[in-house]
C-alpha atoms as a PDB file:
ATOM      1  CA  UNK A   1     -72.953 133.641  41.282  1.00  0.00           C
ATOM      2  CA  UNK A   2     -74.680 136.089  42.933  1.00  0.00           C
ATOM      3  CA  UNK A   3     -78.284 136.769  41.549  1.00  0.00           C
ATOM      4  CA  UNK A   4     -78.597 140.115  40.915  1.00  0.00           C
ATOM      5  CA  UNK A   5     -82.220 141.657  42.247  1.00  0.00           C
ATOM      6  CA  UNK A   6     -82.189 145.058  41.136  1.00  0.00           C
ATOM      7  CA  UNK A   7     -80.016 147.841  39.192  1.00  0.00           C
ATOM      8  CA  UNK A   8     -80.898 151.234  39.400  1.00  0.00           C
ATOM      9  CA  UNK A   9     -78.794 154.642  38.772  1.00  0.00           C
ATOM     10  CA  UNK A  10     -78.853 157.535  41.580  1.00  0.00           C
ATOM     11  CA  UNK A  11     -78.759 161.213  40.518  1.00  0.00           C
ATOM     12  CA  UNK A  12     -77.851 163.634  41.551  1.00  0.00           C
ATOM     13  CA  UNK A  13     -76.004 162.317  44.665  1.00  0.00           C
ATOM     14  CA  UNK A  14     -74.464 164.183  47.757  1.00  0.00           C
ATOM     15  CA  UNK A  15     -70.640 162.921  48.080  1.00  0.00           C
ATOM     16  CA  UNK A  16     -69.145 163.808  51.765  1.00  0.00           C
ATOM     17  CA  UNK A  17     -65.098 163.911  52.018  1.00  0.00           C
ATOM     18  CA  UNK A  18     -64.470 162.281  54.876  1.00  0.00           C
ATOM     19  CA  UNK A  19     -60.749 163.739  54.612  1.00  0.00           C
ATOM     20  CA  UNK A  20     -61.500 166.828  53.929  1.00  0.00           C
ATOM     21  CA  UNK A  21     -64.945 167.025  55.629  1.00  0.00           C
ATOM     22  CA  UNK A  22     -66.744 168.425  52.755  1.00  0.00           C
ATOM     23  CA  UNK A  23     -69.847 167.713  50.857  1.00  0.00           C
ATOM     24  CA  UNK A  24     -70.271 168.692  47.255  1.00  0.00           C
ATOM     25  CA  UNK A  25     -73.059 167.516  44.272  1.00  0.00           C
ATOM     26  CA  UNK A  26     -72.094 164.704  42.084  1.00  0.00           C
ATOM     27  CA  UNK A  27     -74.683 165.608  38.892  1.00  0.00           C
ATOM     28  CA  UNK A  28     -73.555 161.834  37.336  1.00  0.00           C
ATOM     29  CA  UNK A  29     -74.614 160.019  40.467  1.00  0.00           C
ATOM     30  CA  UNK A  30     -73.635 156.588  40.827  1.00  0.00           C
ATOM     31  CA  UNK A  31     -75.370 153.494  40.068  1.00  0.00           C
ATOM     32  CA  UNK A  32     -76.781 150.584  42.821  1.00  0.00           C
ATOM     33  CA  UNK A  33     -76.520 146.901  42.122  1.00  0.00           C
ATOM     34  CA  UNK A  34     -78.717 145.029  44.942  1.00  0.00           C
ATOM     35  CA  UNK A  35     -78.381 141.266  45.037  1.00  0.00           C
ATOM     36  CA  UNK A  36     -80.690 138.531  46.599  1.00  0.00           C
ATOM     37  CA  UNK A  37     -78.848 137.857  49.422  1.00  0.00           C
ATOM     38  CA  UNK A  38     -79.301 141.383  50.228  1.00  0.00           C
ATOM     39  CA  UNK A  39     -75.465 142.768  49.612  1.00  0.00           C
ATOM     40  CA  UNK A  40     -75.036 145.438  47.172  1.00  0.00           C
ATOM     41  CA  UNK A  41     -72.075 147.614  45.006  1.00  0.00           C
ATOM     42  CA  UNK A  42     -71.966 150.892  44.377  1.00  0.00           C
ATOM     43  CA  UNK A  43     -70.128 152.665  41.063  1.00  0.00           C
ATOM     44  CA  UNK A  44     -69.420 156.058  40.891  1.00  0.00           C
ATOM     45  CA  UNK A  45     -69.896 157.233  37.373  1.00  0.00           C
ATOM     46  CA  UNK A  46     -67.922 160.384  37.819  1.00  0.00           C
ATOM     47  CA  UNK A  47     -64.643 158.412  38.394  1.00  0.00           C
ATOM     48  CA  UNK A  48     -66.056 155.402  36.897  1.00  0.00           C
ATOM     49  CA  UNK A  49     -64.682 153.174  39.953  1.00  0.00           C
ATOM     50  CA  UNK A  50     -66.240 150.748  42.228  1.00  0.00           C
ATOM     51  CA  UNK A  51     -66.734 152.478  45.374  1.00  0.00           C
ATOM     52  CA  UNK A  52     -68.356 149.867  47.653  1.00  0.00           C
ATOM     53  CA  UNK A  53     -65.594 149.150  49.868  1.00  0.00           C
ATOM     54  CA  UNK A  54     -64.319 153.156  50.010  1.00  0.00           C
ATOM     55  CA  UNK A  55     -64.149 154.794  53.262  1.00  0.00           C
ATOM     56  CA  UNK A  56     -62.717 158.258  52.046  1.00  0.00           C
ATOM     57  CA  UNK A  57     -66.283 159.127  50.519  1.00  0.00           C
ATOM     58  CA  UNK A  58     -69.700 158.793  51.510  1.00  0.00           C
ATOM     59  CA  UNK A  59     -72.598 158.476  48.938  1.00  0.00           C
ATOM     60  CA  UNK A  60     -75.609 159.987  50.434  1.00  0.00           C
ATOM     61  CA  UNK A  61     -79.429 160.378  48.684  1.00  0.00           C
ATOM     62  CA  UNK A  62     -81.183 164.043  49.151  1.00  0.00           C
ATOM     63  CA  UNK A  63     -84.524 165.403  48.577  1.00  0.00           C
ATOM     64  CA  UNK A  64     -83.486 165.809  44.686  1.00  0.00           C
ATOM     65  CA  UNK A  65     -82.287 162.754  43.846  1.00  0.00           C
ATOM     66  CA  UNK A  66     -83.874 160.475  41.526  1.00  0.00           C
ATOM     67  CA  UNK A  67     -83.977 156.832  40.862  1.00  0.00           C
ATOM     68  CA  UNK A  68     -84.241 155.402  37.409  1.00  0.00           C
ATOM     69  CA  UNK A  69     -83.963 151.172  37.522  1.00  0.00           C
ATOM     70  CA  UNK A  70     -82.121 149.930  34.644  1.00  0.00           C
ATOM     71  CA  UNK A  71     -83.538 146.306  35.868  1.00  0.00           C
ATOM     72  CA  UNK A  72     -86.221 145.879  38.836  1.00  0.00           C
ATOM     73  CA  UNK A  73     -86.271 141.660  39.056  1.00  0.00           C
ATOM     74  CA  UNK A  74     -88.852 140.171  41.563  1.00  0.00           C
ATOM     75  CA  UNK A  75     -88.848 140.776  45.163  1.00  0.00           C
ATOM     76  CA  UNK A  76     -88.980 137.803  47.146  1.00  0.00           C
ATOM     77  CA  UNK A  77     -86.445 135.061  44.171  1.00  0.00           C
ATOM     78  CA  UNK A  78     -85.903 131.485  45.155  1.00  0.00           C
END
């Protein structure tokens, strides 16, 4: 079982659609779950899906993106 290091909501974010070559803003953003083994999962709040391995969309932060930590764990977890 993986140990969670941080959980954060990032909003708003830029979403790049690879197939249509378009950028758009997602006001709801995404949830980022980081684990102690330096892996992470991304969850899209607008569509309510796991986007961790999604190759059709790229999610990017930009200058208006705010990070709201729901859980901030210890940095050096042993």
